[in-house]
């Protein structure tokens, strides 16, 4: 949601004390979750055929959020923990209105290794995309 940067810089990665519009999002920010759900539902209603999937994946660049909440999630679950926790939350919310929808995400770059101590939601599909 790059268009949100001017109004909501807190949705974006905190890197070395500065919010980065072109970084990964701050996946622990509840406002970002609301924006993603709203955008996902709009996209599903207009673009996704029934019984299909929607992709929720990080961008193809670095700048992971270093805010205290994101750092704590990575410490507990590993490098992929923040994104996988977020994808699980998105899948659980979308399942309420779209029970047959799959939420696809990439195991790529910093999300290539599975998270520790986490089970993925039943509607999450992970595509392994090794780059190493």
Protein backbone atom coordinates (compact mmCIF):
# COMPACT_ATOMS: atom_id res chain seq x y z
CA UNK A 1 0.00 0.00 0.00
CA UNK A 2 2.62 2.56 -1.08
CA UNK A 3 -0.08 5.22 -1.55
CA UNK A 4 -0.62 5.18 2.22
CA UNK A 5 2.91 6.36 3.09
CA UNK A 6 2.18 10.09 3.46
CA UNK A 7 -0.84 9.50 5.71
CA UNK A 8 0.41 6.39 7.53
CA UNK A 9 4.20 6.03 7.61
CA UNK A 10 3.75 3.67 10.58
CA UNK A 11 2.55 1.01 8.11
CA UNK A 12 6.08 0.83 6.68
CA UNK A 13 9.36 -0.67 7.85
CA UNK A 14 11.31 1.15 10.52
CA UNK A 15 14.94 0.83 9.42
CA UNK A 16 17.71 2.48 11.42
CA UNK A 17 15.12 4.74 13.05
CA UNK A 18 13.47 5.90 9.81
CA UNK A 19 10.28 4.69 8.07
CA UNK A 20 11.00 3.35 4.57
CA UNK A 21 8.34 3.61 1.88
CA UNK A 22 10.21 1.13 -0.31
CA UNK A 23 10.92 -1.32 2.50
CA UNK A 24 8.89 -4.26 3.67
CA UNK A 25 5.75 -3.27 5.60
CA UNK A 26 5.50 -3.18 9.38
CA UNK A 27 3.54 -6.42 9.66
CA UNK A 28 2.70 -5.94 13.34
CA UNK A 29 0.83 -2.66 12.73
CA UNK A 30 -2.92 -3.30 13.12
CA UNK A 31 -3.79 -0.48 10.72
CA UNK A 32 -1.80 -2.14 7.95
CA UNK A 33 -3.75 -5.36 8.51
CA UNK A 34 -7.02 -3.46 8.03
CA UNK A 35 -5.77 -1.92 4.76
CA UNK A 36 -4.60 -5.29 3.43
CA UNK A 37 -7.91 -6.98 4.31
CA UNK A 38 -9.93 -4.17 2.74
CA UNK A 39 -7.81 -4.24 -0.44
CA UNK A 40 -7.85 -8.06 -0.56
CA UNK A 41 -11.65 -8.19 -0.31
CA UNK A 42 -12.01 -5.61 -3.09
CA UNK A 43 -9.60 -7.56 -5.26
CA UNK A 44 -11.37 -10.86 -4.53
CA UNK A 45 -14.76 -9.40 -5.43
CA UNK A 46 -13.53 -7.97 -8.74
CA UNK A 47 -10.65 -10.17 -9.90
CA UNK A 48 -10.54 -13.60 -8.23
CA UNK A 49 -12.69 -16.44 -9.51
CA UNK A 50 -14.48 -18.50 -6.83
CA UNK A 51 -12.40 -21.32 -5.42
CA UNK A 52 -9.13 -19.66 -6.40
CA UNK A 53 -6.40 -17.93 -4.45
CA UNK A 54 -4.99 -14.55 -3.58
CA UNK A 55 -1.29 -13.94 -3.03
CA UNK A 56 -0.03 -12.15 0.08
CA UNK A 57 3.76 -11.97 -0.11
CA UNK A 58 6.55 -9.61 0.78
CA UNK A 59 8.21 -7.43 -1.80
CA UNK A 60 11.30 -8.46 -3.72
CA UNK A 61 13.62 -6.26 -1.67
CA UNK A 62 15.08 -5.97 1.81
CA UNK A 63 14.55 -3.40 4.55
CA UNK A 64 12.72 -5.58 7.07
CA UNK A 65 11.01 -3.63 9.83
CA UNK A 66 13.13 -3.20 12.96
CA UNK A 67 10.37 -1.88 15.23
CA UNK A 68 10.25 -3.57 18.67
CA UNK A 69 7.16 -5.69 17.81
CA UNK A 70 8.52 -6.97 14.48
CA UNK A 71 11.90 -7.66 16.08
CA UNK A 72 10.22 -9.65 18.87
CA UNK A 73 8.27 -11.75 16.34
CA UNK A 74 11.47 -12.57 14.43
CA UNK A 75 13.24 -13.43 17.67
CA UNK A 76 10.45 -15.86 18.60
CA UNK A 77 9.65 -17.37 15.17
CA UNK A 78 12.73 -16.71 13.00
CA UNK A 79 13.22 -14.56 9.90
CA UNK A 80 10.04 -15.77 8.22
CA UNK A 81 7.96 -15.42 11.38
CA UNK A 82 6.59 -11.94 10.80
CA UNK A 83 5.34 -12.58 7.31
CA UNK A 84 3.97 -16.04 8.08
CA UNK A 85 2.18 -14.80 11.19
CA UNK A 86 0.65 -12.00 9.11
CA UNK A 87 -0.38 -14.39 6.32
CA UNK A 88 -2.01 -16.68 8.89
CA UNK A 89 -3.98 -13.74 10.27
CA UNK A 90 -5.07 -12.68 6.78
CA UNK A 91 -6.13 -16.25 5.91
CA UNK A 92 -8.19 -16.56 9.10
CA UNK A 93 -9.96 -13.25 8.44
CA UNK A 94 -10.66 -13.94 4.75
CA UNK A 95 -11.94 -17.43 5.54
CA UNK A 96 -14.93 -15.86 7.31
CA UNK A 97 -16.31 -14.56 3.98
CA UNK A 98 -14.45 -16.83 1.53
CA UNK A 99 -14.08 -20.29 3.11
CA UNK A 100 -12.75 -21.92 -0.07
CA UNK A 101 -10.19 -19.25 -0.90
CA UNK A 102 -6.50 -20.14 -0.61
CA UNK A 103 -4.06 -17.51 0.58
CA UNK A 104 -0.82 -18.03 -1.29
CA UNK A 105 2.55 -16.78 -0.08
CA UNK A 106 6.15 -17.24 -1.11
CA UNK A 107 8.90 -18.99 0.81
CA UNK A 108 11.54 -16.75 -0.74
CA UNK A 109 14.66 -14.92 0.43
CA UNK A 110 14.17 -14.13 4.14
CA UNK A 111 11.00 -16.28 4.26
CA UNK A 112 12.68 -19.32 2.68
CA UNK A 113 13.22 -21.08 6.02
CA UNK A 114 10.03 -22.09 7.84
CA UNK A 115 9.05 -20.25 11.01
CA UNK A 116 9.70 -21.82 14.38
CA UNK A 117 6.80 -22.83 16.62
CA UNK A 118 4.08 -21.96 14.11
CA UNK A 119 1.46 -23.95 12.25
CA UNK A 120 0.13 -22.39 9.10
CA UNK A 121 -3.61 -21.79 8.67
CA UNK A 122 -5.40 -24.53 6.72
CA UNK A 123 -6.12 -22.11 3.84
CA UNK A 124 -2.48 -21.03 3.41
CA UNK A 125 -0.55 -22.34 0.44
CA UNK A 126 3.21 -21.79 0.46
CA UNK A 127 5.22 -21.76 -2.77
CA UNK A 128 8.84 -22.60 -2.21
CA UNK A 129 11.01 -20.29 -4.31
CA UNK A 130 14.64 -21.01 -3.47
CA UNK A 131 17.17 -18.39 -4.49
CA UNK A 132 20.18 -19.78 -2.59
